[in-house]
Amino acid sequence: MKERCNKHIRETLDYVRSLIILADDGERDSEDDGCRLLYGVVRDCAYKMKYEAERERDVHQQNNKKD
């Protein structure tokens, strides 16, 4: 069970990296403020997801040291 959960956390972090790249590329190629706003939201959400996934990964690592 732990390994499956850790796998999902790793997948989330991979997904987040893709979202950050998408936001960077999208913002660079934006032609109007609406698109820039959209990619700003994408980036903001990606960093929130990254924070939570890393926090949960760290909790799992700490728990593994105790076991």
PDB file of N, CA and C in Angstrom:
ATOM      1  N   MET A   1       0.823  -1.204   0.000  1.00  0.00           N
ATOM      2  CA  MET A   1       0.000   0.000   0.000  1.00  0.00           C
ATOM      3  C   MET A   1       0.865   1.265   0.000  1.00  0.00           C
ATOM      4  N   LYS A   2       1.890   1.285   0.855  1.00  0.00           N
ATOM      5  CA  LYS A   2       2.751   2.472   0.921  1.00  0.00           C
ATOM      6  C   LYS A   2       3.412   2.752  -0.426  1.00  0.00           C
ATOM      7  N   GLU A   3       3.888   1.673  -1.060  1.00  0.00           N
ATOM      8  CA  GLU A   3       4.586   1.859  -2.333  1.00  0.00           C
ATOM      9  C   GLU A   3       3.656   2.429  -3.403  1.00  0.00           C
ATOM     10  N   ARG A   4       2.405   1.984  -3.422  1.00  0.00           N
ATOM     11  CA  ARG A   4       1.454   2.531  -4.419  1.00  0.00           C
ATOM     12  C   ARG A   4       1.203   4.009  -4.163  1.00  0.00           C
ATOM     13  N   CYS A   5       1.073   4.370  -2.905  1.00  0.00           N
ATOM     14  CA  CYS A   5       0.845   5.780  -2.563  1.00  0.00           C
ATOM     15  C   CYS A   5       2.062   6.623  -2.963  1.00  0.00           C
ATOM     16  N   ASN A   6       3.254   6.113  -2.676  1.00  0.00           N
ATOM     17  CA  ASN A   6       4.478   6.833  -3.059  1.00  0.00           C
ATOM     18  C   ASN A   6       4.585   6.959  -4.573  1.00  0.00           C
ATOM     19  N   LYS A   7       4.149   5.933  -5.280  1.00  0.00           N
ATOM     20  CA  LYS A   7       4.143   5.974  -6.750  1.00  0.00           C
ATOM     21  C   LYS A   7       3.245   7.105  -7.243  1.00  0.00           C
ATOM     22  N   HIS A   8       2.099   7.261  -6.624  1.00  0.00           N
ATOM     23  CA  HIS A   8       1.171   8.332  -7.026  1.00  0.00           C
ATOM     24  C   HIS A   8       1.768   9.709  -6.720  1.00  0.00           C
ATOM     25  N   ILE A   9       2.474   9.809  -5.626  1.00  0.00           N
ATOM     26  CA  ILE A   9       3.130  11.083  -5.305  1.00  0.00           C
ATOM     27  C   ILE A   9       4.186  11.398  -6.358  1.00  0.00           C
ATOM     28  N   ARG A  10       4.995  10.411  -6.742  1.00  0.00           N
ATOM     29  CA  ARG A  10       5.995  10.633  -7.797  1.00  0.00           C
ATOM     30  C   ARG A  10       5.324  11.024  -9.112  1.00  0.00           C
ATOM     31  N   GLU A  11       4.234  10.364  -9.442  1.00  0.00           N
ATOM     32  CA  GLU A  11       3.503  10.705 -10.669  1.00  0.00           C
ATOM     33  C   GLU A  11       2.958  12.123 -10.601  1.00  0.00           C
ATOM     34  N   THR A  12       2.485  12.530  -9.435  1.00  0.00           N
ATOM     35  CA  THR A  12       1.982  13.895  -9.256  1.00  0.00           C
ATOM     36  C   THR A  12       3.104  14.901  -9.492  1.00  0.00           C
ATOM     37  N   LEU A  13       4.286  14.625  -8.947  1.00  0.00           N
ATOM     38  CA  LEU A  13       5.407  15.535  -9.138  1.00  0.00           C
ATOM     39  C   LEU A  13       5.834  15.600 -10.603  1.00  0.00           C
ATOM     40  N   ASP A  14       5.764  14.479 -11.314  1.00  0.00           N
ATOM     41  CA  ASP A  14       6.047  14.487 -12.758  1.00  0.00           C
ATOM     42  C   ASP A  14       5.018  15.338 -13.498  1.00  0.00           C
ATOM     43  N   TYR A  15       3.767  15.163 -13.129  1.00  0.00           N
ATOM     44  CA  TYR A  15       2.684  15.932 -13.750  1.00  0.00           C
ATOM     45  C   TYR A  15       2.864  17.429 -13.492  1.00  0.00           C
ATOM     46  N   VAL A  16       3.240  17.764 -12.281  1.00  0.00           N
ATOM     47  CA  VAL A  16       3.461  19.163 -11.915  1.00  0.00           C
ATOM     48  C   VAL A  16       4.561  19.775 -12.777  1.00  0.00           C
ATOM     49  N   ARG A  17       5.649  19.034 -12.978  1.00  0.00           N
ATOM     50  CA  ARG A  17       6.727  19.548 -13.838  1.00  0.00           C
ATOM     51  C   ARG A  17       6.189  19.852 -15.239  1.00  0.00           C
ATOM     52  N   SER A  18       5.343  18.971 -15.743  1.00  0.00           N
ATOM     53  CA  SER A  18       4.744  19.195 -17.068  1.00  0.00           C
ATOM     54  C   SER A  18       3.849  20.431 -17.069  1.00  0.00           C
ATOM     55  N   LEU A  19       3.094  20.619 -15.999  1.00  0.00           N
ATOM     56  CA  LEU A  19       2.221  21.794 -15.913  1.00  0.00           C
ATOM     57  C   LEU A  19       3.030  23.086 -15.862  1.00  0.00           C
ATOM     58  N   ILE A  20       4.141  23.076 -15.143  1.00  0.00           N
ATOM     59  CA  ILE A  20       4.978  24.273 -15.063  1.00  0.00           C
ATOM     60  C   ILE A  20       5.572  24.600 -16.433  1.00  0.00           C
ATOM     61  N   ILE A  21       6.025  23.590 -17.142  1.00  0.00           N
ATOM     62  CA  ILE A  21       6.551  23.801 -18.498  1.00  0.00           C
ATOM     63  C   ILE A  21       5.448  24.326 -19.410  1.00  0.00           C
ATOM     64  N   LEU A  22       4.263  23.736 -19.315  1.00  0.00           N
ATOM     65  CA  LEU A  22       3.119  24.202 -20.110  1.00  0.00           C
ATOM     66  C   LEU A  22       2.828  25.665 -19.815  1.00  0.00           C
ATOM     67  N   ALA A  23       2.824  26.035 -18.537  1.00  0.00           N
ATOM     68  CA  ALA A  23       2.542  27.423 -18.169  1.00  0.00           C
ATOM     69  C   ALA A  23       3.609  28.361 -18.728  1.00  0.00           C
ATOM     70  N   ASP A  24       4.856  27.957 -18.633  1.00  0.00           N
ATOM     71  CA  ASP A  24       5.936  28.794 -19.178  1.00  0.00           C
ATOM     72  C   ASP A  24       5.795  28.966 -20.687  1.00  0.00           C
ATOM     73  N   ASP A  25       5.578  27.852 -21.387  1.00  0.00           N
ATOM     74  CA  ASP A  25       5.425  27.912 -22.841  1.00  0.00           C
ATOM     75  C   ASP A  25       4.180  28.697 -23.234  1.00  0.00           C
ATOM     76  N   GLY A  26       3.088  28.445 -22.540  1.00  0.00           N
ATOM     77  CA  GLY A  26       1.833  29.134 -22.851  1.00  0.00           C
ATOM     78  C   GLY A  26       1.934  30.627 -22.626  1.00  0.00           C
ATOM     79  N   GLU A  27       2.562  31.008 -21.520  1.00  0.00           N
ATOM     80  CA  GLU A  27       2.710  32.432 -21.244  1.00  0.00           C
ATOM     81  C   GLU A  27       3.620  33.108 -22.271  1.00  0.00           C
ATOM     82  N   ARG A  28       4.685  32.423 -22.646  1.00  0.00           N
ATOM     83  CA  ARG A  28       5.611  32.974 -23.648  1.00  0.00           C
ATOM     84  C   ARG A  28       4.902  33.203 -24.985  1.00  0.00           C
ATOM     85  N   ASP A  29       4.009  32.290 -25.358  1.00  0.00           N
ATOM     86  CA  ASP A  29       3.344  32.369 -26.651  1.00  0.00           C
ATOM     87  C   ASP A  29       1.997  33.085 -26.614  1.00  0.00           C
ATOM     88  N   SER A  30       1.606  33.584 -25.449  1.00  0.00           N
ATOM     89  CA  SER A  30       0.304  34.244 -25.308  1.00  0.00           C
ATOM     90  C   SER A  30       0.217  35.494 -26.162  1.00  0.00           C
ATOM     91  N   GLU A  31      -0.970  35.698 -26.698  1.00  0.00           N
ATOM     92  CA  GLU A  31      -1.204  36.875 -27.530  1.00  0.00           C
ATOM     93  C   GLU A  31      -2.124  37.887 -26.865  1.00  0.00           C
ATOM     94  N   ASP A  32      -2.698  37.522 -25.720  1.00  0.00           N
ATOM     95  CA  ASP A  32      -3.587  38.458 -25.035  1.00  0.00           C
ATOM     96  C   ASP A  32      -3.565  38.200 -23.534  1.00  0.00           C
ATOM     97  N   ASP A  33      -4.163  39.125 -22.790  1.00  0.00           N
ATOM     98  CA  ASP A  33      -4.155  39.039 -21.333  1.00  0.00           C
ATOM     99  C   ASP A  33      -4.913  37.826 -20.809  1.00  0.00           C
ATOM    100  N   GLY A  34      -5.953  37.407 -21.517  1.00  0.00           N
ATOM    101  CA  GLY A  34      -6.728  36.244 -21.078  1.00  0.00           C
ATOM    102  C   GLY A  34      -5.878  34.980 -21.049  1.00  0.00           C
ATOM    103  N   CYS A  35      -5.066  34.813 -22.072  1.00  0.00           N
ATOM    104  CA  CYS A  35      -4.168  33.646 -22.110  1.00  0.00           C
ATOM    105  C   CYS A  35      -3.109  33.745 -21.024  1.00  0.00           C
ATOM    106  N   ARG A  36      -2.551  34.926 -20.822  1.00  0.00           N
ATOM    107  CA  ARG A  36      -1.542  35.092 -19.774  1.00  0.00           C
ATOM    108  C   ARG A  36      -2.148  34.791 -18.410  1.00  0.00           C
ATOM    109  N   LEU A  37      -3.375  35.212 -18.201  1.00  0.00           N
ATOM    110  CA  LEU A  37      -4.063  34.917 -16.946  1.00  0.00           C
ATOM    111  C   LEU A  37      -4.260  33.412 -16.780  1.00  0.00           C
ATOM    112  N   LEU A  38      -4.711  32.753 -17.819  1.00  0.00           N
ATOM    113  CA  LEU A  38      -4.906  31.303 -17.779  1.00  0.00           C
ATOM    114  C   LEU A  38      -3.632  30.585 -17.373  1.00  0.00           C
ATOM    115  N   TYR A  39      -2.517  30.922 -17.996  1.00  0.00           N
ATOM    116  CA  TYR A  39      -1.276  30.222 -17.701  1.00  0.00           C
ATOM    117  C   TYR A  39      -0.709  30.617 -16.342  1.00  0.00           C
ATOM    118  N   GLY A  40      -1.060  31.793 -15.869  1.00  0.00           N
ATOM    119  CA  GLY A  40      -0.710  32.159 -14.494  1.00  0.00           C
ATOM    120  C   GLY A  40      -1.452  31.288 -13.498  1.00  0.00           C
ATOM    121  N   VAL A  41      -2.721  31.023 -13.776  1.00  0.00           N
ATOM    122  CA  VAL A  41      -3.512  30.141 -12.918  1.00  0.00           C
ATOM    123  C   VAL A  41      -2.954  28.723 -12.957  1.00  0.00           C
ATOM    124  N   VAL A  42      -2.607  28.242 -14.156  1.00  0.00           N
ATOM    125  CA  VAL A  42      -2.021  26.902 -14.298  1.00  0.00           C
ATOM    126  C   VAL A  42      -0.748  26.815 -13.463  1.00  0.00           C
ATOM    127  N   ARG A  43       0.120  27.820 -13.561  1.00  0.00           N
ATOM    128  CA  ARG A  43       1.375  27.819 -12.806  1.00  0.00           C
ATOM    129  C   ARG A  43       1.099  27.842 -11.298  1.00  0.00           C
ATOM    130  N   ASP A  44       0.180  28.687 -10.878  1.00  0.00           N
ATOM    131  CA  ASP A  44      -0.146  28.789  -9.455  1.00  0.00           C
ATOM    132  C   ASP A  44      -0.643  27.445  -8.916  1.00  0.00           C
ATOM    133  N   CYS A  45      -1.531  26.811  -9.644  1.00  0.00           N
ATOM    134  CA  CYS A  45      -2.053  25.505  -9.224  1.00  0.00           C
ATOM    135  C   CYS A  45      -0.940  24.455  -9.188  1.00  0.00           C
ATOM    136  N   ALA A  46      -0.063  24.497 -10.172  1.00  0.00           N
ATOM    137  CA  ALA A  46       1.045  23.533 -10.225  1.00  0.00           C
ATOM    138  C   ALA A  46       1.935  23.679  -8.995  1.00  0.00           C
ATOM    139  N   TYR A  47       2.252  24.905  -8.612  1.00  0.00           N
ATOM    140  CA  TYR A  47       3.114  25.097  -7.444  1.00  0.00           C
ATOM    141  C   TYR A  47       2.406  24.707  -6.149  1.00  0.00           C
ATOM    142  N   LYS A  48       1.108  24.910  -6.063  1.00  0.00           N
ATOM    143  CA  LYS A  48       0.364  24.447  -4.889  1.00  0.00           C
ATOM    144  C   LYS A  48       0.378  22.921  -4.810  1.00  0.00           C
ATOM    145  N   MET A  49       0.186  22.271  -5.955  1.00  0.00           N
ATOM    146  CA  MET A  49       0.227  20.800  -5.997  1.00  0.00           C
ATOM    147  C   MET A  49       1.625  20.305  -5.633  1.00  0.00           C
ATOM    148  N   LYS A  50       2.643  20.975  -6.138  1.00  0.00           N
ATOM    149  CA  LYS A  50       4.025  20.589  -5.852  1.00  0.00           C
ATOM    150  C   LYS A  50       4.301  20.673  -4.358  1.00  0.00           C
ATOM    151  N   TYR A  51       3.881  21.760  -3.743  1.00  0.00           N
ATOM    152  CA  TYR A  51       4.086  21.940  -2.304  1.00  0.00           C
ATOM    153  C   TYR A  51       3.446  20.793  -1.525  1.00  0.00           C
ATOM    154  N   GLU A  52       2.196  20.488  -1.835  1.00  0.00           N
ATOM    155  CA  GLU A  52       1.473  19.440  -1.102  1.00  0.00           C
ATOM    156  C   GLU A  52       2.085  18.058  -1.347  1.00  0.00           C
ATOM    157  N   ALA A  53       2.459  17.779  -2.571  1.00  0.00           N
ATOM    158  CA  ALA A  53       3.043  16.467  -2.890  1.00  0.00           C
ATOM    159  C   ALA A  53       4.394  16.302  -2.198  1.00  0.00           C
ATOM    160  N   GLU A  54       5.210  17.346  -2.211  1.00  0.00           N
ATOM    161  CA  GLU A  54       6.505  17.263  -1.543  1.00  0.00           C
ATOM    162  C   GLU A  54       6.338  17.129  -0.034  1.00  0.00           C
ATOM    163  N   ARG A  55       5.378  17.832   0.510  1.00  0.00           N
ATOM    164  CA  ARG A  55       5.106  17.737   1.947  1.00  0.00           C
ATOM    165  C   ARG A  55       4.691  16.319   2.316  1.00  0.00           C
ATOM    166  N   GLU A  56       3.808  15.747   1.525  1.00  0.00           N
ATOM    167  CA  GLU A  56       3.339  14.384   1.792  1.00  0.00           C
ATOM    168  C   GLU A  56       4.469  13.371   1.584  1.00  0.00           C
ATOM    169  N   ARG A  57       5.284  13.576   0.578  1.00  0.00           N
ATOM    170  CA  ARG A  57       6.446  12.707   0.351  1.00  0.00           C
ATOM    171  C   ARG A  57       7.378  12.731   1.559  1.00  0.00           C
ATOM    172  N   ASP A  58       7.605  13.930   2.104  1.00  0.00           N
ATOM    173  CA  ASP A  58       8.473  14.058   3.275  1.00  0.00           C
ATOM    174  C   ASP A  58       7.885  13.359   4.492  1.00  0.00           C
ATOM    175  N   VAL A  59       6.582  13.456   4.670  1.00  0.00           N
ATOM    176  CA  VAL A  59       5.917  12.753   5.774  1.00  0.00           C
ATOM    177  C   VAL A  59       6.113  11.251   5.626  1.00  0.00           C
ATOM    178  N   HIS A  60       5.955  10.752   4.417  1.00  0.00           N
ATOM    179  CA  HIS A  60       6.139   9.314   4.175  1.00  0.00           C
ATOM    180  C   HIS A  60       7.585   8.906   4.464  1.00  0.00           C
ATOM    181  N   GLN A  61       8.535   9.731   4.060  1.00  0.00           N
ATOM    182  CA  GLN A  61       9.938   9.421   4.317  1.00  0.00           C
ATOM    183  C   GLN A  61      10.236   9.386   5.808  1.00  0.00           C
ATOM    184  N   GLN A  62       9.670  10.331   6.545  1.00  0.00           N
ATOM    185  CA  GLN A  62       9.864  10.355   8.006  1.00  0.00           C
ATOM    186  C   GLN A  62       9.247   9.105   8.648  1.00  0.00           C
ATOM    187  N   ASN A  63       8.052   8.724   8.180  1.00  0.00           N
ATOM    188  CA  ASN A  63       7.387   7.545   8.723  1.00  0.00           C
ATOM    189  C   ASN A  63       8.171   6.275   8.415  1.00  0.00           C
ATOM    190  N   ASN A  64       8.803   6.205   7.259  1.00  0.00           N
ATOM    191  CA  ASN A  64       9.610   5.039   6.891  1.00  0.00           C
ATOM    192  C   ASN A  64      10.841   4.916   7.785  1.00  0.00           C
ATOM    193  N   LYS A  65      11.395   6.047   8.214  1.00  0.00           N
ATOM    194  CA  LYS A  65      12.549   6.008   9.108  1.00  0.00           C
ATOM    195  C   LYS A  65      12.167   5.460  10.483  1.00  0.00           C
ATOM    196  N   LYS A  66      10.916   5.711  10.889  1.00  0.00           N
ATOM    197  CA  LYS A  66      10.439   5.251  12.197  1.00  0.00           C
ATOM    198  C   LYS A  66      10.147   3.755  12.187  1.00  0.00           C
ATOM    199  N   ASP A  67       9.780   3.236  11.006  1.00  0.00           N
ATOM    200  CA  ASP A  67       9.395   1.805  10.923  1.00  0.00           C
ATOM    201  C   ASP A  67      10.566   0.881  11.021  1.00  0.00           C
TER     202      ASP A  67
END
